PDB file of N, CA and C in Angstrom:
ATOM      1  N   MET A   1      13.100   8.902 -59.643  1.00  0.00           N
ATOM      2  CA  MET A   1      11.829   8.407 -60.123  1.00  0.00           C
ATOM      3  C   MET A   1      11.422   7.135 -59.366  1.00  0.00           C
ATOM      4  N   LEU A   2      12.391   6.289 -59.125  1.00  0.00           N
ATOM      5  CA  LEU A   2      12.114   5.054 -58.399  1.00  0.00           C
ATOM      6  C   LEU A   2      11.679   5.360 -56.966  1.00  0.00           C
ATOM      7  N   GLY A   3      12.270   6.395 -56.354  1.00  0.00           N
ATOM      8  CA  GLY A   3      11.905   6.788 -54.991  1.00  0.00           C
ATOM      9  C   GLY A   3      10.464   7.262 -54.917  1.00  0.00           C
ATOM     10  N   VAL A   4      10.020   8.025 -55.904  1.00  0.00           N
ATOM     11  CA  VAL A   4       8.639   8.511 -55.937  1.00  0.00           C
ATOM     12  C   VAL A   4       7.683   7.337 -56.094  1.00  0.00           C
ATOM     13  N   LEU A   5       8.024   6.407 -56.962  1.00  0.00           N
ATOM     14  CA  LEU A   5       7.183   5.236 -57.194  1.00  0.00           C
ATOM     15  C   LEU A   5       7.049   4.395 -55.919  1.00  0.00           C
ATOM     16  N   VAL A   6       8.142   4.190 -55.214  1.00  0.00           N
ATOM     17  CA  VAL A   6       8.114   3.415 -53.967  1.00  0.00           C
ATOM     18  C   VAL A   6       7.322   4.163 -52.901  1.00  0.00           C
ATOM     19  N   SER A   7       7.462   5.486 -52.836  1.00  0.00           N
ATOM     20  CA  SER A   7       6.688   6.280 -51.875  1.00  0.00           C
ATOM     21  C   SER A   7       5.201   6.162 -52.148  1.00  0.00           C
ATOM     22  N   LEU A   8       4.811   6.228 -53.401  1.00  0.00           N
ATOM     23  CA  LEU A   8       3.399   6.064 -53.754  1.00  0.00           C
ATOM     24  C   LEU A   8       2.903   4.659 -53.422  1.00  0.00           C
ATOM     25  N   LEU A   9       3.770   3.675 -53.622  1.00  0.00           N
ATOM     26  CA  LEU A   9       3.411   2.298 -53.295  1.00  0.00           C
ATOM     27  C   LEU A   9       3.153   2.138 -51.800  1.00  0.00           C
ATOM     28  N   PHE A  10       4.029   2.731 -50.968  1.00  0.00           N
ATOM     29  CA  PHE A  10       3.843   2.656 -49.520  1.00  0.00           C
ATOM     30  C   PHE A  10       2.606   3.428 -49.084  1.00  0.00           C
ATOM     31  N   ALA A  11       2.358   4.574 -49.680  1.00  0.00           N
ATOM     32  CA  ALA A  11       1.162   5.350 -49.346  1.00  0.00           C
ATOM     33  C   ALA A  11      -0.095   4.568 -49.714  1.00  0.00           C
ATOM     34  N   GLY A  12      -0.081   3.922 -50.876  1.00  0.00           N
ATOM     35  CA  GLY A  12      -1.226   3.104 -51.277  1.00  0.00           C
ATOM     36  C   GLY A  12      -1.435   1.928 -50.345  1.00  0.00           C
ATOM     37  N   ALA A  13      -0.347   1.296 -49.908  1.00  0.00           N
ATOM     38  CA  ALA A  13      -0.456   0.177 -48.966  1.00  0.00           C
ATOM     39  C   ALA A  13      -1.030   0.648 -47.635  1.00  0.00           C
ATOM     40  N   GLY A  14      -0.622   1.840 -47.204  1.00  0.00           N
ATOM     41  CA  GLY A  14      -1.157   2.394 -45.957  1.00  0.00           C
ATOM     42  C   GLY A  14      -2.644   2.673 -46.066  1.00  0.00           C
ATOM     43  N   LEU A  15      -3.066   3.252 -47.183  1.00  0.00           N
ATOM     44  CA  LEU A  15      -4.489   3.520 -47.386  1.00  0.00           C
ATOM     45  C   LEU A  15      -5.289   2.219 -47.461  1.00  0.00           C
ATOM     46  N   LEU A  16      -4.717   1.221 -48.092  1.00  0.00           N
ATOM     47  CA  LEU A  16      -5.375  -0.081 -48.159  1.00  0.00           C
ATOM     48  C   LEU A  16      -5.524  -0.691 -46.763  1.00  0.00           C
ATOM     49  N   ALA A  17      -4.501  -0.549 -45.921  1.00  0.00           N
ATOM     50  CA  ALA A  17      -4.564  -1.070 -44.549  1.00  0.00           C
ATOM     51  C   ALA A  17      -5.631  -0.331 -43.743  1.00  0.00           C
ATOM     52  N   ILE A  18      -5.698   0.992 -43.909  1.00  0.00           N
ATOM     53  CA  ILE A  18      -6.722   1.770 -43.198  1.00  0.00           C
ATOM     54  C   ILE A  18      -8.116   1.350 -43.666  1.00  0.00           C
ATOM     55  N   GLY A  19      -8.270   1.121 -44.945  1.00  0.00           N
ATOM     56  CA  GLY A  19      -9.552   0.653 -45.470  1.00  0.00           C
ATOM     57  C   GLY A  19      -9.926  -0.713 -44.928  1.00  0.00           C
ATOM     58  N   ALA A  20      -8.940  -1.599 -44.798  1.00  0.00           N
ATOM     59  CA  ALA A  20      -9.208  -2.929 -44.244  1.00  0.00           C
ATOM     60  C   ALA A  20      -9.634  -2.840 -42.779  1.00  0.00           C
ATOM     61  N   ILE A  21      -9.001  -1.948 -42.042  1.00  0.00           N
ATOM     62  CA  ILE A  21      -9.385  -1.757 -40.636  1.00  0.00           C
ATOM     63  C   ILE A  21     -10.814  -1.244 -40.563  1.00  0.00           C
ATOM     64  N   GLY A  22     -11.146  -0.269 -41.389  1.00  0.00           N
ATOM     65  CA  GLY A  22     -12.507   0.277 -41.400  1.00  0.00           C
ATOM     66  C   GLY A  22     -13.534  -0.773 -41.760  1.00  0.00           C
ATOM     67  N   ALA A  23     -13.226  -1.611 -42.751  1.00  0.00           N
ATOM     68  CA  ALA A  23     -14.159  -2.665 -43.156  1.00  0.00           C
ATOM     69  C   ALA A  23     -14.353  -3.689 -42.041  1.00  0.00           C
ATOM     70  N   THR A  24     -13.283  -4.006 -41.330  1.00  0.00           N
ATOM     71  CA  THR A  24     -13.377  -4.966 -40.230  1.00  0.00           C
ATOM     72  C   THR A  24     -14.227  -4.414 -39.097  1.00  0.00           C
ATOM     73  N   VAL A  25     -14.003  -3.145 -38.761  1.00  0.00           N
ATOM     74  CA  VAL A  25     -14.781  -2.529 -37.682  1.00  0.00           C
ATOM     75  C   VAL A  25     -16.248  -2.477 -38.064  1.00  0.00           C
ATOM     76  N   THR A  26     -16.523  -2.108 -39.295  1.00  0.00           N
ATOM     77  CA  THR A  26     -17.915  -2.035 -39.749  1.00  0.00           C
ATOM     78  C   THR A  26     -18.573  -3.410 -39.742  1.00  0.00           C
ATOM     79  N   ALA A  27     -17.843  -4.419 -40.171  1.00  0.00           N
ATOM     80  CA  ALA A  27     -18.407  -5.765 -40.228  1.00  0.00           C
ATOM     81  C   ALA A  27     -18.644  -6.344 -38.841  1.00  0.00           C
ATOM     82  N   GLN A  28     -17.814  -5.983 -37.868  1.00  0.00           N
ATOM     83  CA  GLN A  28     -17.930  -6.552 -36.528  1.00  0.00           C
ATOM     84  C   GLN A  28     -18.774  -5.707 -35.589  1.00  0.00           C
ATOM     85  N   ALA A  29     -19.295  -4.573 -36.056  1.00  0.00           N
ATOM     86  CA  ALA A  29     -20.085  -3.696 -35.189  1.00  0.00           C
ATOM     87  C   ALA A  29     -21.323  -4.415 -34.660  1.00  0.00           C
ATOM     88  N   GLY A  30     -21.973  -5.203 -35.487  1.00  0.00           N
ATOM     89  CA  GLY A  30     -23.147  -5.950 -35.033  1.00  0.00           C
ATOM     90  C   GLY A  30     -22.801  -6.967 -33.963  1.00  0.00           C
ATOM     91  N   ALA A  31     -21.669  -7.629 -34.109  1.00  0.00           N
ATOM     92  CA  ALA A  31     -21.239  -8.609 -33.112  1.00  0.00           C
ATOM     93  C   ALA A  31     -20.926  -7.929 -31.780  1.00  0.00           C
ATOM     94  N   VAL A  32     -20.310  -6.757 -31.839  1.00  0.00           N
ATOM     95  CA  VAL A  32     -19.992  -6.025 -30.612  1.00  0.00           C
ATOM     96  C   VAL A  32     -21.278  -5.577 -29.932  1.00  0.00           C
ATOM     97  N   ARG A  33     -22.241  -5.085 -30.709  1.00  0.00           N
ATOM     98  CA  ARG A  33     -23.528  -4.701 -30.137  1.00  0.00           C
ATOM     99  C   ARG A  33     -24.217  -5.907 -29.484  1.00  0.00           C
ATOM    100  N   GLY A  34     -24.122  -7.064 -30.126  1.00  0.00           N
ATOM    101  CA  GLY A  34     -24.708  -8.271 -29.554  1.00  0.00           C
ATOM    102  C   GLY A  34     -24.056  -8.662 -28.244  1.00  0.00           C
ATOM    103  N   LEU A  35     -22.727  -8.541 -28.169  1.00  0.00           N
ATOM    104  CA  LEU A  35     -22.023  -8.857 -26.918  1.00  0.00           C
ATOM    105  C   LEU A  35     -22.418  -7.904 -25.799  1.00  0.00           C
ATOM    106  N   LEU A  36     -22.536  -6.615 -26.113  1.00  0.00           N
ATOM    107  CA  LEU A  36     -22.955  -5.643 -25.099  1.00  0.00           C
ATOM    108  C   LEU A  36     -24.385  -5.922 -24.646  1.00  0.00           C
ATOM    109  N   ARG A  37     -25.261  -6.281 -25.571  1.00  0.00           N
ATOM    110  CA  ARG A  37     -26.644  -6.618 -25.232  1.00  0.00           C
ATOM    111  C   ARG A  37     -26.678  -7.853 -24.330  1.00  0.00           C
ATOM    112  N   GLN A  38     -25.865  -8.838 -24.641  1.00  0.00           N
ATOM    113  CA  GLN A  38     -25.805 -10.059 -23.833  1.00  0.00           C
ATOM    114  C   GLN A  38     -25.257  -9.763 -22.440  1.00  0.00           C
ATOM    115  N   ALA A  39     -24.278  -8.879 -22.344  1.00  0.00           N
ATOM    116  CA  ALA A  39     -23.721  -8.528 -21.031  1.00  0.00           C
ATOM    117  C   ALA A  39     -24.780  -7.844 -20.174  1.00  0.00           C
ATOM    118  N   ARG A  40     -25.570  -6.950 -20.771  1.00  0.00           N
ATOM    119  CA  ARG A  40     -26.640  -6.293 -20.016  1.00  0.00           C
ATOM    120  C   ARG A  40     -27.694  -7.311 -19.572  1.00  0.00           C
ATOM    121  N   ALA A  41     -28.012  -8.256 -20.442  1.00  0.00           N
ATOM    122  CA  ALA A  41     -28.987  -9.290 -20.080  1.00  0.00           C
ATOM    123  C   ALA A  41     -28.454 -10.164 -18.948  1.00  0.00           C
ATOM    124  N   ASP A  42     -27.154 -10.454 -18.964  1.00  0.00           N
ATOM    125  CA  ASP A  42     -26.558 -11.266 -17.896  1.00  0.00           C
ATOM    126  C   ASP A  42     -26.641 -10.546 -16.554  1.00  0.00           C
ATOM    127  N   VAL A  43     -26.416  -9.235 -16.562  1.00  0.00           N
ATOM    128  CA  VAL A  43     -26.510  -8.471 -15.319  1.00  0.00           C
ATOM    129  C   VAL A  43     -27.944  -8.511 -14.792  1.00  0.00           C
ATOM    130  N   ALA A  44     -28.906  -8.336 -15.679  1.00  0.00           N
ATOM    131  CA  ALA A  44     -30.305  -8.376 -15.252  1.00  0.00           C
ATOM    132  C   ALA A  44     -30.662  -9.762 -14.709  1.00  0.00           C
ATOM    133  N   GLN A  45     -30.201 -10.833 -15.352  1.00  0.00           N
ATOM    134  CA  GLN A  45     -30.476 -12.188 -14.865  1.00  0.00           C
ATOM    135  C   GLN A  45     -29.821 -12.428 -13.516  1.00  0.00           C
ATOM    136  N   ARG A  46     -28.602 -11.929 -13.341  1.00  0.00           N
ATOM    137  CA  ARG A  46     -27.901 -12.106 -12.067  1.00  0.00           C
ATOM    138  C   ARG A  46     -28.666 -11.401 -10.945  1.00  0.00           C
ATOM    139  N   GLU A  47     -29.124 -10.169 -11.199  1.00  0.00           N
ATOM    140  CA  GLU A  47     -29.884  -9.456 -10.180  1.00  0.00           C
ATOM    141  C   GLU A  47     -31.184 -10.184  -9.860  1.00  0.00           C
ATOM    142  N   TYR A  48     -31.825 -10.733 -10.857  1.00  0.00           N
ATOM    143  CA  TYR A  48     -33.070 -11.473 -10.639  1.00  0.00           C
ATOM    144  C   TYR A  48     -32.807 -12.723  -9.800  1.00  0.00           C
ATOM    145  N   ARG A  49     -31.750 -13.448 -10.122  1.00  0.00           N
ATOM    146  CA  ARG A  49     -31.441 -14.662  -9.360  1.00  0.00           C
ATOM    147  C   ARG A  49     -31.091 -14.344  -7.917  1.00  0.00           C
ATOM    148  N   VAL A  50     -30.372 -13.246  -7.702  1.00  0.00           N
ATOM    149  CA  VAL A  50     -30.040 -12.850  -6.334  1.00  0.00           C
ATOM    150  C   VAL A  50     -31.303 -12.482  -5.574  1.00  0.00           C
ATOM    151  N   SER A  51     -32.230 -11.801  -6.237  1.00  0.00           N
ATOM    152  CA  SER A  51     -33.471 -11.423  -5.554  1.00  0.00           C
ATOM    153  C   SER A  51     -34.309 -12.648  -5.206  1.00  0.00           C
ATOM    154  N   ILE A  52     -34.228 -13.706  -5.994  1.00  0.00           N
ATOM    155  CA  ILE A  52     -34.981 -14.923  -5.694  1.00  0.00           C
ATOM    156  C   ILE A  52     -34.338 -15.671  -4.526  1.00  0.00           C
ATOM    157  N   VAL A  53     -33.023 -15.764  -4.522  1.00  0.00           N
ATOM    158  CA  VAL A  53     -32.317 -16.594  -3.550  1.00  0.00           C
ATOM    159  C   VAL A  53     -32.160 -15.910  -2.201  1.00  0.00           C
ATOM    160  N   SER A  54     -31.976 -14.602  -2.195  1.00  0.00           N
ATOM    161  CA  SER A  54     -31.660 -13.923  -0.937  1.00  0.00           C
ATOM    162  C   SER A  54     -32.876 -13.837  -0.030  1.00  0.00           C
ATOM    163  N   ASP A  55     -32.626 -13.792   1.277  1.00  0.00           N
ATOM    164  CA  ASP A  55     -33.686 -13.690   2.272  1.00  0.00           C
ATOM    165  C   ASP A  55     -34.105 -12.246   2.496  1.00  0.00           C
ATOM    166  N   LEU A  56     -33.161 -11.328   2.312  1.00  0.00           N
ATOM    167  CA  LEU A  56     -33.434  -9.918   2.563  1.00  0.00           C
ATOM    168  C   LEU A  56     -34.060  -9.278   1.335  1.00  0.00           C
ATOM    169  N   PRO A  57     -34.846  -8.238   1.526  1.00  0.00           N
ATOM    170  CA  PRO A  57     -35.341  -7.503   0.364  1.00  0.00           C
ATOM    171  C   PRO A  57     -34.171  -6.833  -0.361  1.00  0.00           C
ATOM    172  N   THR A  58     -34.323  -6.639  -1.643  1.00  0.00           N
ATOM    173  CA  THR A  58     -33.202  -6.115  -2.426  1.00  0.00           C
ATOM    174  C   THR A  58     -32.883  -4.672  -2.071  1.00  0.00           C
ATOM    175  N   ALA A  59     -33.867  -3.891  -1.593  1.00  0.00           N
ATOM    176  CA  ALA A  59     -33.620  -2.481  -1.302  1.00  0.00           C
ATOM    177  C   ALA A  59     -32.951  -2.283   0.056  1.00  0.00           C
ATOM    178  N   ALA A  60     -33.080  -3.264   0.966  1.00  0.00           N
ATOM    179  CA  ALA A  60     -32.532  -3.105   2.309  1.00  0.00           C
ATOM    180  C   ALA A  60     -31.060  -3.476   2.322  1.00  0.00           C
ATOM    181  N   PRO A  61     -30.191  -2.557   2.741  1.00  0.00           N
ATOM    182  CA  PRO A  61     -28.771  -2.915   2.839  1.00  0.00           C
ATOM    183  C   PRO A  61     -28.526  -3.816   4.047  1.00  0.00           C
ATOM    184  N   ALA A  62     -27.585  -4.690   3.928  1.00  0.00           N
ATOM    185  CA  ALA A  62     -27.246  -5.586   5.037  1.00  0.00           C
ATOM    186  C   ALA A  62     -26.497  -4.787   6.099  1.00  0.00           C
ATOM    187  N   ALA A  63     -26.977  -4.858   7.334  1.00  0.00           N
ATOM    188  CA  ALA A  63     -26.385  -4.080   8.418  1.00  0.00           C
ATOM    189  C   ALA A  63     -25.024  -4.647   8.807  1.00  0.00           C
ATOM    190  N   GLY A  64     -24.078  -3.776   9.007  1.00  0.00           N
ATOM    191  CA  GLY A  64     -22.760  -4.183   9.471  1.00  0.00           C
ATOM    192  C   GLY A  64     -21.882  -4.807   8.418  1.00  0.00           C
ATOM    193  N   CYS A  65     -22.222  -4.704   7.166  1.00  0.00           N
ATOM    194  CA  CYS A  65     -21.420  -5.324   6.120  1.00  0.00           C
ATOM    195  C   CYS A  65     -20.501  -4.341   5.418  1.00  0.00           C
ATOM    196  N   GLY A  66     -20.419  -3.129   5.928  1.00  0.00           N
ATOM    197  CA  GLY A  66     -19.562  -2.144   5.304  1.00  0.00           C
ATOM    198  C   GLY A  66     -18.099  -2.411   5.617  1.00  0.00           C
ATOM    199  N   PRO A  67     -17.199  -1.743   4.934  1.00  0.00           N
ATOM    200  CA  PRO A  67     -15.772  -1.940   5.209  1.00  0.00           C
ATOM    201  C   PRO A  67     -15.410  -1.385   6.579  1.00  0.00           C
ATOM    202  N   ARG A  68     -14.549  -2.101   7.286  1.00  0.00           N
ATOM    203  CA  ARG A  68     -14.105  -1.650   8.599  1.00  0.00           C
ATOM    204  C   ARG A  68     -12.626  -1.301   8.539  1.00  0.00           C
ATOM    205  N   ARG A  69     -12.259  -0.281   9.262  1.00  0.00           N
ATOM    206  CA  ARG A  69     -10.855   0.114   9.327  1.00  0.00           C
ATOM    207  C   ARG A  69     -10.168  -0.630  10.460  1.00  0.00           C
ATOM    208  N   ALA A  70      -8.929  -0.937  10.252  1.00  0.00           N
ATOM    209  CA  ALA A  70      -8.157  -1.598  11.296  1.00  0.00           C
ATOM    210  C   ALA A  70      -7.862  -0.583  12.402  1.00  0.00           C
ATOM    211  N   PRO A  71      -7.852  -1.022  13.657  1.00  0.00           N
ATOM    212  CA  PRO A  71      -7.558  -0.082  14.744  1.00  0.00           C
ATOM    213  C   PRO A  71      -6.110   0.396  14.658  1.00  0.00           C
ATOM    214  N   LEU A  72      -5.918   1.642  14.988  1.00  0.00           N
ATOM    215  CA  LEU A  72      -4.570   2.205  14.965  1.00  0.00           C
ATOM    216  C   LEU A  72      -3.824   1.772  16.219  1.00  0.00           C
ATOM    217  N   ARG A  73      -2.575   1.413  16.052  1.00  0.00           N
ATOM    218  CA  ARG A  73      -1.753   0.990  17.178  1.00  0.00           C
ATOM    219  C   ARG A  73      -0.645   2.014  17.405  1.00  0.00           C
ATOM    220  N   ALA A  74      -0.252   2.133  18.641  1.00  0.00           N
ATOM    221  CA  ALA A  74       0.843   3.033  18.966  1.00  0.00           C
ATOM    222  C   ALA A  74       2.151   2.445  18.455  1.00  0.00           C
ATOM    223  N   ILE A  75       3.000   3.292  17.933  1.00  0.00           N
ATOM    224  CA  ILE A  75       4.290   2.847  17.408  1.00  0.00           C
ATOM    225  C   ILE A  75       5.315   2.876  18.540  1.00  0.00           C
ATOM    226  N   ARG A  76       5.987   1.786  18.737  1.00  0.00           N
ATOM    227  CA  ARG A  76       7.022   1.719  19.772  1.00  0.00           C
ATOM    228  C   ARG A  76       8.323   2.260  19.209  1.00  0.00           C
ATOM    229  N   ARG A  77       9.012   2.988  20.002  1.00  0.00           N
ATOM    230  CA  ARG A  77      10.293   3.580  19.592  1.00  0.00           C
ATOM    231  C   ARG A  77      11.429   2.684  20.101  1.00  0.00           C
ATOM    232  N   THR A  78      11.647   1.550  19.441  1.00  0.00           N
ATOM    233  CA  THR A  78      12.649   0.593  19.902  1.00  0.00           C
ATOM    234  C   THR A  78      14.058   1.100  19.652  1.00  0.00           C
ATOM    235  N   ALA A  79      14.258   1.887  18.615  1.00  0.00           N
ATOM    236  CA  ALA A  79      15.607   2.368  18.321  1.00  0.00           C
ATOM    237  C   ALA A  79      16.086   3.300  19.430  1.00  0.00           C
ATOM    238  N   GLU A  80      15.217   4.150  19.976  1.00  0.00           N
ATOM    239  CA  GLU A  80      15.617   5.062  21.042  1.00  0.00           C
ATOM    240  C   GLU A  80      15.915   4.301  22.327  1.00  0.00           C
ATOM    241  N   ARG A  81      15.218   3.218  22.584  1.00  0.00           N
ATOM    242  CA  ARG A  81      15.469   2.427  23.783  1.00  0.00           C
ATOM    243  C   ARG A  81      16.847   1.801  23.740  1.00  0.00           C
ATOM    244  N   ARG A  82      17.284   1.383  22.582  1.00  0.00           N
ATOM    245  CA  ARG A  82      18.598   0.737  22.476  1.00  0.00           C
ATOM    246  C   ARG A  82      19.729   1.750  22.585  1.00  0.00           C
ATOM    247  N   ILE A  83      19.499   2.955  22.112  1.00  0.00           N
ATOM    248  CA  ILE A  83      20.562   3.963  22.112  1.00  0.00           C
ATOM    249  C   ILE A  83      20.785   4.496  23.513  1.00  0.00           C
ATOM    250  N   VAL A  84      19.754   4.692  24.315  1.00  0.00           N
ATOM    251  CA  VAL A  84      19.877   5.289  25.641  1.00  0.00           C
ATOM    252  C   VAL A  84      20.781   4.472  26.556  1.00  0.00           C
ATOM    253  N   PRO A  85      20.635   3.151  26.675  1.00  0.00           N
ATOM    254  CA  PRO A  85      21.552   2.405  27.537  1.00  0.00           C
ATOM    255  C   PRO A  85      23.000   2.467  27.036  1.00  0.00           C
ATOM    256  N   ALA A  86      23.200   2.544  25.752  1.00  0.00           N
ATOM    257  CA  ALA A  86      24.569   2.625  25.248  1.00  0.00           C
ATOM    258  C   ALA A  86      25.204   3.943  25.637  1.00  0.00           C
ATOM    259  N   ARG A  87      24.470   5.012  25.655  1.00  0.00           N
ATOM    260  CA  ARG A  87      25.009   6.330  26.076  1.00  0.00           C
ATOM    261  C   ARG A  87      25.320   6.338  27.574  1.00  0.00           C
ATOM    262  N   ARG A  88      24.469   5.647  28.333  1.00  0.00           N
ATOM    263  CA  ARG A  88      24.704   5.603  29.787  1.00  0.00           C
ATOM    264  C   ARG A  88      25.985   4.820  30.101  1.00  0.00           C
ATOM    265  N   ALA A  89      26.226   3.756  29.343  1.00  0.00           N
ATOM    266  CA  ALA A  89      27.427   2.957  29.584  1.00  0.00           C
ATOM    267  C   ALA A  89      28.689   3.728  29.173  1.00  0.00           C
ATOM    268  N   ALA A  90      28.589   4.575  28.173  1.00  0.00           N
ATOM    269  CA  ALA A  90      29.744   5.309  27.704  1.00  0.00           C
ATOM    270  C   ALA A  90      30.071   6.455  28.653  1.00  0.00           C
ATOM    271  N   ALA A  91      29.114   6.955  29.397  1.00  0.00           N
ATOM    272  CA  ALA A  91      29.343   8.117  30.271  1.00  0.00           C
ATOM    273  C   ALA A  91      29.946   7.741  31.568  1.00  0.00           C
TER     274      ALA A  91
END
């Protein structure tokens, strides 16, 4: 009987915790929406400030500013160079 009572107590505590989480999410939903709205406004302000400060039109991409790949270099085979003279000396 005591085991059943304790199980019900834990189940009730779990339901209470889930309810508290739900209440917190519901209460903070407006704050989260406000933060997302502010983030969108910040992006719009940043784009506006860049358009005011920059010399180039916003639609024109800057020439030559793309990523560049490093040139490929030939790999030297230094290990083979060291082995060949050793074989010649042994022969």
